[in-house]
Amino acid sequence: MELEKSINERHSTRAFLDKPVPREIIERLLFLCTKAPSAINIQPWEFTVVMGEERIRLSKVLVKSMRERNISCGPGAVRPLPEYFMDRQRKLMDCILPHLEKGILFQDFINEGSCNF
């Protein structure tokens, strides 16, 4: 699938059913989530699965706390990213920067550069 088509067809849906998700599905989804792209490929994955009444209680506490503190959920927004993620980011930028300094065109970057770092 072409990158631009993938970006344009991607979406997020926020509608939830009031029934538990089977453990097998959660495990499979978590495995697949580790394959997803991340901002500058830092892949800061950390998962915690909470089910049942504990999930409901914890959800209420987290939502309240985040609203009170006006916290963003982006990588590095709540606490600094571990050094190994930052090191990986620096190495990636070392590869990308020469291309950006040359002023390559967006289409050239998408067609050639973005998959060759």
PDB file of N, CA and C in Angstrom:
ATOM      1  N   MET A   1       0.851  -1.186   0.000  1.00  0.00           N
ATOM      2  CA  MET A   1       0.000   0.000   0.000  1.00  0.00           C
ATOM      3  C   MET A   1       0.889   1.238   0.000  1.00  0.00           C
ATOM      4  N   GLU A   2       0.507   2.215  -0.769  1.00  0.00           N
ATOM      5  CA  GLU A   2       1.278   3.444  -0.847  1.00  0.00           C
ATOM      6  C   GLU A   2       1.182   4.210   0.466  1.00  0.00           C
ATOM      7  N   LEU A   3       2.259   4.888   0.821  1.00  0.00           N
ATOM      8  CA  LEU A   3       2.311   5.620   2.084  1.00  0.00           C
ATOM      9  C   LEU A   3       1.211   6.667   2.188  1.00  0.00           C
ATOM     10  N   GLU A   4       1.058   7.478   1.160  1.00  0.00           N
ATOM     11  CA  GLU A   4       0.057   8.546   1.222  1.00  0.00           C
ATOM     12  C   GLU A   4      -1.352   7.971   1.386  1.00  0.00           C
ATOM     13  N   LYS A   5      -1.641   6.883   0.681  1.00  0.00           N
ATOM     14  CA  LYS A   5      -2.952   6.235   0.800  1.00  0.00           C
ATOM     15  C   LYS A   5      -3.150   5.709   2.222  1.00  0.00           C
ATOM     16  N   SER A   6      -2.110   5.111   2.785  1.00  0.00           N
ATOM     17  CA  SER A   6      -2.192   4.599   4.159  1.00  0.00           C
ATOM     18  C   SER A   6      -2.480   5.717   5.151  1.00  0.00           C
ATOM     19  N   ILE A   7      -1.792   6.831   4.993  1.00  0.00           N
ATOM     20  CA  ILE A   7      -1.990   7.963   5.906  1.00  0.00           C
ATOM     21  C   ILE A   7      -3.412   8.498   5.787  1.00  0.00           C
ATOM     22  N   ASN A   8      -3.894   8.647   4.564  1.00  0.00           N
ATOM     23  CA  ASN A   8      -5.231   9.197   4.350  1.00  0.00           C
ATOM     24  C   ASN A   8      -6.345   8.268   4.807  1.00  0.00           C
ATOM     25  N   GLU A   9      -6.119   6.965   4.783  1.00  0.00           N
ATOM     26  CA  GLU A   9      -7.162   6.015   5.165  1.00  0.00           C
ATOM     27  C   GLU A   9      -7.139   5.667   6.650  1.00  0.00           C
ATOM     28  N   ARG A  10      -6.110   6.055   7.345  1.00  0.00           N
ATOM     29  CA  ARG A  10      -5.988   5.743   8.775  1.00  0.00           C
ATOM     30  C   ARG A  10      -6.947   6.622   9.573  1.00  0.00           C
ATOM     31  N   HIS A  11      -7.556   6.050  10.600  1.00  0.00           N
ATOM     32  CA  HIS A  11      -8.452   6.827  11.452  1.00  0.00           C
ATOM     33  C   HIS A  11      -8.534   6.198  12.839  1.00  0.00           C
ATOM     34  N   SER A  12      -9.076   6.947  13.746  1.00  0.00           N
ATOM     35  CA  SER A  12      -9.257   6.484  15.120  1.00  0.00           C
ATOM     36  C   SER A  12     -10.745   6.537  15.447  1.00  0.00           C
ATOM     37  N   THR A  13     -11.240   5.503  16.089  1.00  0.00           N
ATOM     38  CA  THR A  13     -12.648   5.450  16.473  1.00  0.00           C
ATOM     39  C   THR A  13     -12.735   5.317  17.981  1.00  0.00           C
ATOM     40  N   ARG A  14     -13.545   6.151  18.598  1.00  0.00           N
ATOM     41  CA  ARG A  14     -13.690   6.120  20.048  1.00  0.00           C
ATOM     42  C   ARG A  14     -15.128   5.762  20.417  1.00  0.00           C
ATOM     43  N   ALA A  15     -15.477   4.513  20.205  1.00  0.00           N
ATOM     44  CA  ALA A  15     -16.776   3.996  20.622  1.00  0.00           C
ATOM     45  C   ALA A  15     -16.509   2.657  21.297  1.00  0.00           C
ATOM     46  N   PHE A  16     -17.126   2.428  22.427  1.00  0.00           N
ATOM     47  CA  PHE A  16     -16.804   1.254  23.218  1.00  0.00           C
ATOM     48  C   PHE A  16     -18.057   0.479  23.597  1.00  0.00           C
ATOM     49  N   LEU A  17     -17.959  -0.838  23.583  1.00  0.00           N
ATOM     50  CA  LEU A  17     -19.032  -1.699  24.056  1.00  0.00           C
ATOM     51  C   LEU A  17     -18.812  -1.972  25.541  1.00  0.00           C
ATOM     52  N   ASP A  18     -19.890  -2.237  26.240  1.00  0.00           N
ATOM     53  CA  ASP A  18     -19.801  -2.509  27.674  1.00  0.00           C
ATOM     54  C   ASP A  18     -19.696  -4.015  27.922  1.00  0.00           C
ATOM     55  N   LYS A  19     -18.700  -4.649  27.301  1.00  0.00           N
ATOM     56  CA  LYS A  19     -18.458  -6.067  27.559  1.00  0.00           C
ATOM     57  C   LYS A  19     -16.951  -6.309  27.507  1.00  0.00           C
ATOM     58  N   PRO A  20     -16.472  -7.264  28.288  1.00  0.00           N
ATOM     59  CA  PRO A  20     -15.024  -7.491  28.350  1.00  0.00           C
ATOM     60  C   PRO A  20     -14.457  -8.025  27.032  1.00  0.00           C
ATOM     61  N   VAL A  21     -13.218  -7.654  26.783  1.00  0.00           N
ATOM     62  CA  VAL A  21     -12.494  -8.150  25.611  1.00  0.00           C
ATOM     63  C   VAL A  21     -11.774  -9.426  26.035  1.00  0.00           C
ATOM     64  N   PRO A  22     -11.910 -10.510  25.281  1.00  0.00           N
ATOM     65  CA  PRO A  22     -11.232 -11.758  25.649  1.00  0.00           C
ATOM     66  C   PRO A  22      -9.713 -11.579  25.737  1.00  0.00           C
ATOM     67  N   ARG A  23      -9.122 -12.263  26.692  1.00  0.00           N
ATOM     68  CA  ARG A  23      -7.677 -12.175  26.942  1.00  0.00           C
ATOM     69  C   ARG A  23      -6.861 -12.461  25.673  1.00  0.00           C
ATOM     70  N   GLU A  24      -7.271 -13.453  24.890  1.00  0.00           N
ATOM     71  CA  GLU A  24      -6.534 -13.817  23.671  1.00  0.00           C
ATOM     72  C   GLU A  24      -6.481 -12.641  22.692  1.00  0.00           C
ATOM     73  N   ILE A  25      -7.568 -11.913  22.592  1.00  0.00           N
ATOM     74  CA  ILE A  25      -7.599 -10.750  21.694  1.00  0.00           C
ATOM     75  C   ILE A  25      -6.675  -9.658  22.215  1.00  0.00           C
ATOM     76  N   ILE A  26      -6.690  -9.414  23.512  1.00  0.00           N
ATOM     77  CA  ILE A  26      -5.800  -8.403  24.104  1.00  0.00           C
ATOM     78  C   ILE A  26      -4.346  -8.765  23.852  1.00  0.00           C
ATOM     79  N   GLU A  27      -3.990 -10.022  24.080  1.00  0.00           N
ATOM     80  CA  GLU A  27      -2.600 -10.451  23.864  1.00  0.00           C
ATOM     81  C   GLU A  27      -2.192 -10.276  22.405  1.00  0.00           C
ATOM     82  N   ARG A  28      -3.071 -10.635  21.484  1.00  0.00           N
ATOM     83  CA  ARG A  28      -2.765 -10.488  20.057  1.00  0.00           C
ATOM     84  C   ARG A  28      -2.628  -9.014  19.682  1.00  0.00           C
ATOM     85  N   LEU A  29      -3.526  -8.173  20.186  1.00  0.00           N
ATOM     86  CA  LEU A  29      -3.452  -6.735  19.899  1.00  0.00           C
ATOM     87  C   LEU A  29      -2.167  -6.118  20.436  1.00  0.00           C
ATOM     88  N   LEU A  30      -1.773  -6.505  21.641  1.00  0.00           N
ATOM     89  CA  LEU A  30      -0.532  -5.965  22.200  1.00  0.00           C
ATOM     90  C   LEU A  30       0.663  -6.367  21.351  1.00  0.00           C
ATOM     91  N   PHE A  31       0.676  -7.601  20.882  1.00  0.00           N
ATOM     92  CA  PHE A  31       1.752  -8.049  20.001  1.00  0.00           C
ATOM     93  C   PHE A  31       1.776  -7.201  18.728  1.00  0.00           C
ATOM     94  N   LEU A  32       0.602  -6.994  18.130  1.00  0.00           N
ATOM     95  CA  LEU A  32       0.527  -6.197  16.905  1.00  0.00           C
ATOM     96  C   LEU A  32       0.879  -4.735  17.148  1.00  0.00           C
ATOM     97  N   CYS A  33       0.527  -4.209  18.315  1.00  0.00           N
ATOM     98  CA  CYS A  33       0.844  -2.807  18.634  1.00  0.00           C
ATOM     99  C   CYS A  33       2.343  -2.546  18.615  1.00  0.00           C
ATOM    100  N   THR A  34       3.127  -3.517  18.986  1.00  0.00           N
ATOM    101  CA  THR A  34       4.577  -3.319  18.988  1.00  0.00           C
ATOM    102  C   THR A  34       5.138  -3.175  17.576  1.00  0.00           C
ATOM    103  N   LYS A  35       4.342  -3.492  16.578  1.00  0.00           N
ATOM    104  CA  LYS A  35       4.765  -3.376  15.179  1.00  0.00           C
ATOM    105  C   LYS A  35       4.378  -2.030  14.564  1.00  0.00           C
ATOM    106  N   ALA A  36       3.616  -1.229  15.297  1.00  0.00           N
ATOM    107  CA  ALA A  36       3.111   0.038  14.763  1.00  0.00           C
ATOM    108  C   ALA A  36       4.222   1.086  14.678  1.00  0.00           C
ATOM    109  N   PRO A  37       4.100   2.018  13.722  1.00  0.00           N
ATOM    110  CA  PRO A  37       5.078   3.110  13.659  1.00  0.00           C
ATOM    111  C   PRO A  37       4.923   4.044  14.848  1.00  0.00           C
ATOM    112  N   SER A  38       5.995   4.713  15.187  1.00  0.00           N
ATOM    113  CA  SER A  38       5.958   5.683  16.283  1.00  0.00           C
ATOM    114  C   SER A  38       6.680   6.949  15.839  1.00  0.00           C
ATOM    115  N   ALA A  39       6.459   8.025  16.578  1.00  0.00           N
ATOM    116  CA  ALA A  39       7.121   9.293  16.269  1.00  0.00           C
ATOM    117  C   ALA A  39       8.625   9.066  16.222  1.00  0.00           C
ATOM    118  N   ILE A  40       9.224   9.457  15.137  1.00  0.00           N
ATOM    119  CA  ILE A  40      10.658   9.281  14.843  1.00  0.00           C
ATOM    120  C   ILE A  40      11.179   7.904  15.244  1.00  0.00           C
ATOM    121  N   ASN A  41      10.298   6.914  15.165  1.00  0.00           N
ATOM    122  CA  ASN A  41      10.633   5.501  15.372  1.00  0.00           C
ATOM    123  C   ASN A  41      11.260   5.204  16.732  1.00  0.00           C
ATOM    124  N   ILE A  42      10.857   5.926  17.773  1.00  0.00           N
ATOM    125  CA  ILE A  42      11.444   5.668  19.093  1.00  0.00           C
ATOM    126  C   ILE A  42      10.803   4.491  19.805  1.00  0.00           C
ATOM    127  N   GLN A  43       9.605   4.096  19.400  1.00  0.00           N
ATOM    128  CA  GLN A  43       8.905   2.932  19.926  1.00  0.00           C
ATOM    129  C   GLN A  43       8.961   2.821  21.454  1.00  0.00           C
ATOM    130  N   PRO A  44       8.390   3.785  22.159  1.00  0.00           N
ATOM    131  CA  PRO A  44       8.446   3.775  23.629  1.00  0.00           C
ATOM    132  C   PRO A  44       7.332   2.936  24.255  1.00  0.00           C
ATOM    133  N   TRP A  45       7.185   1.704  23.829  1.00  0.00           N
ATOM    134  CA  TRP A  45       6.053   0.886  24.247  1.00  0.00           C
ATOM    135  C   TRP A  45       6.159   0.430  25.701  1.00  0.00           C
ATOM    136  N   GLU A  46       5.110   0.660  26.425  1.00  0.00           N
ATOM    137  CA  GLU A  46       4.926   0.123  27.777  1.00  0.00           C
ATOM    138  C   GLU A  46       3.449  -0.200  27.895  1.00  0.00           C
ATOM    139  N   PHE A  47       3.100  -1.414  28.283  1.00  0.00           N
ATOM    140  CA  PHE A  47       1.702  -1.811  28.375  1.00  0.00           C
ATOM    141  C   PHE A  47       1.366  -2.266  29.785  1.00  0.00           C
ATOM    142  N   THR A  48       0.182  -1.885  30.239  1.00  0.00           N
ATOM    143  CA  THR A  48      -0.391  -2.388  31.481  1.00  0.00           C
ATOM    144  C   THR A  48      -1.838  -2.731  31.166  1.00  0.00           C
ATOM    145  N   VAL A  49      -2.225  -3.965  31.432  1.00  0.00           N
ATOM    146  CA  VAL A  49      -3.595  -4.393  31.170  1.00  0.00           C
ATOM    147  C   VAL A  49      -4.300  -4.573  32.504  1.00  0.00           C
ATOM    148  N   VAL A  50      -5.424  -3.874  32.658  1.00  0.00           N
ATOM    149  CA  VAL A  50      -6.230  -3.964  33.880  1.00  0.00           C
ATOM    150  C   VAL A  50      -7.650  -4.274  33.432  1.00  0.00           C
ATOM    151  N   MET A  51      -8.287  -5.241  34.101  1.00  0.00           N
ATOM    152  CA  MET A  51      -9.626  -5.670  33.676  1.00  0.00           C
ATOM    153  C   MET A  51     -10.631  -5.579  34.825  1.00  0.00           C
ATOM    154  N   GLY A  52     -11.906  -5.641  34.473  1.00  0.00           N
ATOM    155  CA  GLY A  52     -12.976  -5.718  35.459  1.00  0.00           C
ATOM    156  C   GLY A  52     -13.166  -4.441  36.254  1.00  0.00           C
ATOM    157  N   GLU A  53     -13.572  -4.610  37.512  1.00  0.00           N
ATOM    158  CA  GLU A  53     -13.841  -3.470  38.391  1.00  0.00           C
ATOM    159  C   GLU A  53     -12.594  -2.613  38.604  1.00  0.00           C
ATOM    160  N   GLU A  54     -11.434  -3.246  38.657  1.00  0.00           N
ATOM    161  CA  GLU A  54     -10.189  -2.493  38.833  1.00  0.00           C
ATOM    162  C   GLU A  54      -9.964  -1.552  37.654  1.00  0.00           C
ATOM    163  N   ARG A  55     -10.301  -1.982  36.446  1.00  0.00           N
ATOM    164  CA  ARG A  55     -10.164  -1.130  35.264  1.00  0.00           C
ATOM    165  C   ARG A  55     -11.071   0.093  35.376  1.00  0.00           C
ATOM    166  N   ILE A  56     -12.291  -0.111  35.803  1.00  0.00           N
ATOM    167  CA  ILE A  56     -13.236   0.998  35.944  1.00  0.00           C
ATOM    168  C   ILE A  56     -12.724   1.991  36.986  1.00  0.00           C
ATOM    169  N   ARG A  57     -12.284   1.479  38.128  1.00  0.00           N
ATOM    170  CA  ARG A  57     -11.766   2.343  39.194  1.00  0.00           C
ATOM    171  C   ARG A  57     -10.538   3.112  38.722  1.00  0.00           C
ATOM    172  N   LEU A  58      -9.602   2.406  38.120  1.00  0.00           N
ATOM    173  CA  LEU A  58      -8.368   3.037  37.663  1.00  0.00           C
ATOM    174  C   LEU A  58      -8.642   4.066  36.562  1.00  0.00           C
ATOM    175  N   SER A  59      -9.552   3.773  35.658  1.00  0.00           N
ATOM    176  CA  SER A  59      -9.904   4.723  34.596  1.00  0.00           C
ATOM    177  C   SER A  59     -10.392   6.039  35.174  1.00  0.00           C
ATOM    178  N   LYS A  60     -11.257   5.965  36.167  1.00  0.00           N
ATOM    179  CA  LYS A  60     -11.788   7.183  36.784  1.00  0.00           C
ATOM    180  C   LYS A  60     -10.678   7.994  37.443  1.00  0.00           C
ATOM    181  N   VAL A  61      -9.787   7.311  38.145  1.00  0.00           N
ATOM    182  CA  VAL A  61      -8.676   7.996  38.820  1.00  0.00           C
ATOM    183  C   VAL A  61      -7.756   8.661  37.800  1.00  0.00           C
ATOM    184  N   LEU A  62      -7.410   7.940  36.740  1.00  0.00           N
ATOM    185  CA  LEU A  62      -6.496   8.484  35.728  1.00  0.00           C
ATOM    186  C   LEU A  62      -7.103   9.666  34.981  1.00  0.00           C
ATOM    187  N   VAL A  63      -8.357   9.545  34.580  1.00  0.00           N
ATOM    188  CA  VAL A  63      -9.007  10.644  33.858  1.00  0.00           C
ATOM    189  C   VAL A  63      -9.064  11.888  34.733  1.00  0.00           C
ATOM    190  N   LYS A  64      -9.445  11.720  35.982  1.00  0.00           N
ATOM    191  CA  LYS A  64      -9.526  12.861  36.905  1.00  0.00           C
ATOM    192  C   LYS A  64      -8.154  13.515  37.069  1.00  0.00           C
ATOM    193  N   SER A  65      -7.136  12.702  37.288  1.00  0.00           N
ATOM    194  CA  SER A  65      -5.787  13.223  37.495  1.00  0.00           C
ATOM    195  C   SER A  65      -5.270  13.954  36.257  1.00  0.00           C
ATOM    196  N   MET A  66      -5.482  13.374  35.091  1.00  0.00           N
ATOM    197  CA  MET A  66      -5.000  14.012  33.866  1.00  0.00           C
ATOM    198  C   MET A  66      -5.720  15.330  33.604  1.00  0.00           C
ATOM    199  N   ARG A  67      -7.006  15.376  33.872  1.00  0.00           N
ATOM    200  CA  ARG A  67      -7.751  16.630  33.680  1.00  0.00           C
ATOM    201  C   ARG A  67      -7.282  17.701  34.653  1.00  0.00           C
ATOM    202  N   GLU A  68      -7.044  17.314  35.899  1.00  0.00           N
ATOM    203  CA  GLU A  68      -6.588  18.283  36.902  1.00  0.00           C
ATOM    204  C   GLU A  68      -5.223  18.854  36.548  1.00  0.00           C
ATOM    205  N   ARG A  69      -4.367  18.033  35.995  1.00  0.00           N
ATOM    206  CA  ARG A  69      -2.998  18.464  35.679  1.00  0.00           C
ATOM    207  C   ARG A  69      -2.837  18.914  34.238  1.00  0.00           C
ATOM    208  N   ASN A  70      -3.878  18.779  33.422  1.00  0.00           N
ATOM    209  CA  ASN A  70      -3.820  19.141  32.008  1.00  0.00           C
ATOM    210  C   ASN A  70      -2.663  18.411  31.315  1.00  0.00           C
ATOM    211  N   ILE A  71      -2.606  17.104  31.495  1.00  0.00           N
ATOM    212  CA  ILE A  71      -1.504  16.287  30.991  1.00  0.00           C
ATOM    213  C   ILE A  71      -1.791  15.806  29.571  1.00  0.00           C
ATOM    214  N   SER A  72      -0.779  15.879  28.738  1.00  0.00           N
ATOM    215  CA  SER A  72      -0.841  15.325  27.390  1.00  0.00           C
ATOM    216  C   SER A  72      -0.377  13.870  27.440  1.00  0.00           C
ATOM    217  N   CYS A  73      -0.795  13.089  26.476  1.00  0.00           N
ATOM    218  CA  CYS A  73      -0.417  11.671  26.441  1.00  0.00           C
ATOM    219  C   CYS A  73       0.715  11.380  25.461  1.00  0.00           C
ATOM    220  N   GLY A  74       1.320  12.382  24.863  1.00  0.00           N
ATOM    221  CA  GLY A  74       2.373  12.151  23.881  1.00  0.00           C
ATOM    222  C   GLY A  74       3.642  11.597  24.506  1.00  0.00           C
ATOM    223  N   PRO A  75       4.494  10.919  23.694  1.00  0.00           N
ATOM    224  CA  PRO A  75       5.747  10.372  24.219  1.00  0.00           C
ATOM    225  C   PRO A  75       6.616  11.458  24.847  1.00  0.00           C
ATOM    226  N   GLY A  76       7.051  11.242  26.050  1.00  0.00           N
ATOM    227  CA  GLY A  76       7.922  12.187  26.739  1.00  0.00           C
ATOM    228  C   GLY A  76       7.193  13.334  27.403  1.00  0.00           C
ATOM    229  N   ALA A  77       5.860  13.407  27.273  1.00  0.00           N
ATOM    230  CA  ALA A  77       5.111  14.535  27.833  1.00  0.00           C
ATOM    231  C   ALA A  77       4.956  14.432  29.344  1.00  0.00           C
ATOM    232  N   VAL A  78       4.815  13.229  29.871  1.00  0.00           N
ATOM    233  CA  VAL A  78       4.573  13.040  31.295  1.00  0.00           C
ATOM    234  C   VAL A  78       5.881  12.884  32.052  1.00  0.00           C
ATOM    235  N   ARG A  79       6.793  12.142  31.485  1.00  0.00           N
ATOM    236  CA  ARG A  79       8.110  11.952  32.102  1.00  0.00           C
ATOM    237  C   ARG A  79       9.130  11.830  30.973  1.00  0.00           C
ATOM    238  N   PRO A  80      10.363  12.145  31.255  1.00  0.00           N
ATOM    239  CA  PRO A  80      11.373  12.049  30.193  1.00  0.00           C
ATOM    240  C   PRO A  80      11.481  10.622  29.665  1.00  0.00           C
ATOM    241  N   LEU A  81      11.744  10.506  28.373  1.00  0.00           N
ATOM    242  CA  LEU A  81      11.941   9.187  27.789  1.00  0.00           C
ATOM    243  C   LEU A  81      13.264   8.610  28.273  1.00  0.00           C
ATOM    244  N   PRO A  82      13.349   7.282  28.400  1.00  0.00           N
ATOM    245  CA  PRO A  82      14.614   6.656  28.795  1.00  0.00           C
ATOM    246  C   PRO A  82      15.732   7.005  27.813  1.00  0.00           C
ATOM    247  N   GLU A  83      16.949   7.014  28.297  1.00  0.00           N
ATOM    248  CA  GLU A  83      18.101   7.427  27.496  1.00  0.00           C
ATOM    249  C   GLU A  83      18.252   6.601  26.223  1.00  0.00           C
ATOM    250  N   TYR A  84      17.945   5.298  26.274  1.00  0.00           N
ATOM    251  CA  TYR A  84      18.118   4.495  25.061  1.00  0.00           C
ATOM    252  C   TYR A  84      17.167   4.937  23.949  1.00  0.00           C
ATOM    253  N   PHE A  85      15.978   5.469  24.289  1.00  0.00           N
ATOM    254  CA  PHE A  85      15.091   6.024  23.265  1.00  0.00           C
ATOM    255  C   PHE A  85      15.680   7.319  22.710  1.00  0.00           C
ATOM    256  N   MET A  86      16.224   8.146  23.588  1.00  0.00           N
ATOM    257  CA  MET A  86      16.806   9.411  23.147  1.00  0.00           C
ATOM    258  C   MET A  86      18.026   9.161  22.260  1.00  0.00           C
ATOM    259  N   ASP A  87      18.831   8.161  22.617  1.00  0.00           N
ATOM    260  CA  ASP A  87      19.999   7.817  21.812  1.00  0.00           C
ATOM    261  C   ASP A  87      19.564   7.346  20.425  1.00  0.00           C
ATOM    262  N   ARG A  88      18.539   6.544  20.386  1.00  0.00           N
ATOM    263  CA  ARG A  88      18.006   6.072  19.110  1.00  0.00           C
ATOM    264  C   ARG A  88      17.498   7.246  18.270  1.00  0.00           C
ATOM    265  N   GLN A  89      16.840   8.199  18.917  1.00  0.00           N
ATOM    266  CA  GLN A  89      16.334   9.386  18.223  1.00  0.00           C
ATOM    267  C   GLN A  89      17.496  10.192  17.641  1.00  0.00           C
ATOM    268  N   ARG A  90      18.567  10.366  18.423  1.00  0.00           N
ATOM    269  CA  ARG A  90      19.729  11.120  17.932  1.00  0.00           C
ATOM    270  C   ARG A  90      20.356  10.437  16.718  1.00  0.00           C
ATOM    271  N   LYS A  91      20.484   9.109  16.767  1.00  0.00           N
ATOM    272  CA  LYS A  91      21.059   8.372  15.637  1.00  0.00           C
ATOM    273  C   LYS A  91      20.196   8.525  14.389  1.00  0.00           C
ATOM    274  N   LEU A  92      18.885   8.461  14.568  1.00  0.00           N
ATOM    275  CA  LEU A  92      17.982   8.635  13.436  1.00  0.00           C
ATOM    276  C   LEU A  92      18.124  10.033  12.844  1.00  0.00           C
ATOM    277  N   MET A  93      18.187  11.038  13.697  1.00  0.00           N
ATOM    278  CA  MET A  93      18.324  12.415  13.214  1.00  0.00           C
ATOM    279  C   MET A  93      19.649  12.611  12.491  1.00  0.00           C
ATOM    280  N   ASP A  94      20.698  11.933  12.926  1.00  0.00           N
ATOM    281  CA  ASP A  94      21.981  12.014  12.227  1.00  0.00           C
ATOM    282  C   ASP A  94      21.843  11.515  10.787  1.00  0.00           C
ATOM    283  N   CYS A  95      20.974  10.524  10.578  1.00  0.00           N
ATOM    284  CA  CYS A  95      20.748  10.004   9.226  1.00  0.00           C
ATOM    285  C   CYS A  95      19.855  10.922   8.397  1.00  0.00           C
ATOM    286  N   ILE A  96      18.866  11.521   9.043  1.00  0.00           N
ATOM    287  CA  ILE A  96      17.886  12.344   8.327  1.00  0.00           C
ATOM    288  C   ILE A  96      18.419  13.736   8.007  1.00  0.00           C
ATOM    289  N   LEU A  97      19.176  14.316   8.921  1.00  0.00           N
ATOM    290  CA  LEU A  97      19.607  15.705   8.794  1.00  0.00           C
ATOM    291  C   LEU A  97      20.282  16.034   7.464  1.00  0.00           C
ATOM    292  N   PRO A  98      21.212  15.217   6.954  1.00  0.00           N
ATOM    293  CA  PRO A  98      21.826  15.568   5.661  1.00  0.00           C
ATOM    294  C   PRO A  98      20.798  15.716   4.540  1.00  0.00           C
ATOM    295  N   HIS A  99      19.758  14.893   4.570  1.00  0.00           N
ATOM    296  CA  HIS A  99      18.717  14.987   3.544  1.00  0.00           C
ATOM    297  C   HIS A  99      17.916  16.268   3.709  1.00  0.00           C
ATOM    298  N   LEU A 100      17.631  16.640   4.938  1.00  0.00           N
ATOM    299  CA  LEU A 100      16.881  17.868   5.186  1.00  0.00           C
ATOM    300  C   LEU A 100      17.708  19.094   4.815  1.00  0.00           C
ATOM    301  N   GLU A 101      19.010  19.044   5.085  1.00  0.00           N
ATOM    302  CA  GLU A 101      19.882  20.170   4.761  1.00  0.00           C
ATOM    303  C   GLU A 101      19.997  20.374   3.252  1.00  0.00           C
ATOM    304  N   LYS A 102      19.874  19.295   2.480  1.00  0.00           N
ATOM    305  CA  LYS A 102      19.918  19.405   1.020  1.00  0.00           C
ATOM    306  C   LYS A 102      18.644  20.038   0.482  1.00  0.00           C
ATOM    307  N   GLY A 103      17.620  20.084   1.314  1.00  0.00           N
ATOM    308  CA  GLY A 103      16.348  20.665   0.888  1.00  0.00           C
ATOM    309  C   GLY A 103      15.600  19.786  -0.092  1.00  0.00           C
ATOM    310  N   ILE A 104      15.669  18.479   0.115  1.00  0.00           N
ATOM    311  CA  ILE A 104      14.975  17.590  -0.817  1.00  0.00           C
ATOM    312  C   ILE A 104      13.478  17.860  -0.798  1.00  0.00           C
ATOM    313  N   LEU A 105      12.848  17.598  -1.906  1.00  0.00           N
ATOM    314  CA  LEU A 105      11.413  17.803  -2.031  1.00  0.00           C
ATOM    315  C   LEU A 105      10.656  16.740  -1.247  1.00  0.00           C
ATOM    316  N   PHE A 106       9.474  17.095  -0.794  1.00  0.00           N
ATOM    317  CA  PHE A 106       8.637  16.175  -0.025  1.00  0.00           C
ATOM    318  C   PHE A 106       8.448  14.855  -0.768  1.00  0.00           C
ATOM    319  N   GLN A 107       8.102  14.930  -2.056  1.00  0.00           N
ATOM    320  CA  GLN A 107       7.832  13.703  -2.810  1.00  0.00           C
ATOM    321  C   GLN A 107       9.079  12.833  -2.911  1.00  0.00           C
ATOM    322  N   ASP A 108      10.255  13.457  -3.080  1.00  0.00           N
ATOM    323  CA  ASP A 108      11.494  12.687  -3.118  1.00  0.00           C
ATOM    324  C   ASP A 108      11.720  11.987  -1.787  1.00  0.00           C
ATOM    325  N   PHE A 109      11.438  12.689  -0.702  1.00  0.00           N
ATOM    326  CA  PHE A 109      11.607  12.100   0.626  1.00  0.00           C
ATOM    327  C   PHE A 109      10.693  10.894   0.788  1.00  0.00           C
ATOM    328  N   ILE A 110       9.428  11.040   0.410  1.00  0.00           N
ATOM    329  CA  ILE A 110       8.467   9.950   0.548  1.00  0.00           C
ATOM    330  C   ILE A 110       8.840   8.785  -0.360  1.00  0.00           C
ATOM    331  N   ASN A 111       9.200   9.067  -1.608  1.00  0.00           N
ATOM    332  CA  ASN A 111       9.470   7.998  -2.567  1.00  0.00           C
ATOM    333  C   ASN A 111      10.827   7.341  -2.384  1.00  0.00           C
ATOM    334  N   GLU A 112      11.812   8.086  -1.919  1.00  0.00           N
ATOM    335  CA  GLU A 112      13.162   7.545  -1.868  1.00  0.00           C
ATOM    336  C   GLU A 112      13.756   7.535  -0.468  1.00  0.00           C
ATOM    337  N   GLY A 113      13.786   8.694   0.180  1.00  0.00           N
ATOM    338  CA  GLY A 113      14.542   8.819   1.415  1.00  0.00           C
ATOM    339  C   GLY A 113      13.939   8.169   2.630  1.00  0.00           C
ATOM    340  N   SER A 114      12.622   8.201   2.763  1.00  0.00           N
ATOM    341  CA  SER A 114      12.014   7.771   4.018  1.00  0.00           C
ATOM    342  C   SER A 114      12.190   6.293   4.299  1.00  0.00           C
ATOM    343  N   CYS A 115      12.442   5.500   3.282  1.00  0.00           N
ATOM    344  CA  CYS A 115      12.596   4.055   3.498  1.00  0.00           C
ATOM    345  C   CYS A 115      14.051   3.610   3.448  1.00  0.00           C
ATOM    346  N   ASN A 116      14.974   4.527   3.363  1.00  0.00           N
ATOM    347  CA  ASN A 116      16.375   4.155   3.179  1.00  0.00           C
ATOM    348  C   ASN A 116      17.287   4.537   4.331  1.00  0.00           C
ATOM    349  N   PHE A 117      16.749   4.985   5.448  1.00  0.00           N
ATOM    350  CA  PHE A 117      17.626   5.434   6.530  1.00  0.00           C
ATOM    351  C   PHE A 117      18.238   4.272   7.239  1.00  0.00           C
TER     352      PHE A 117
END
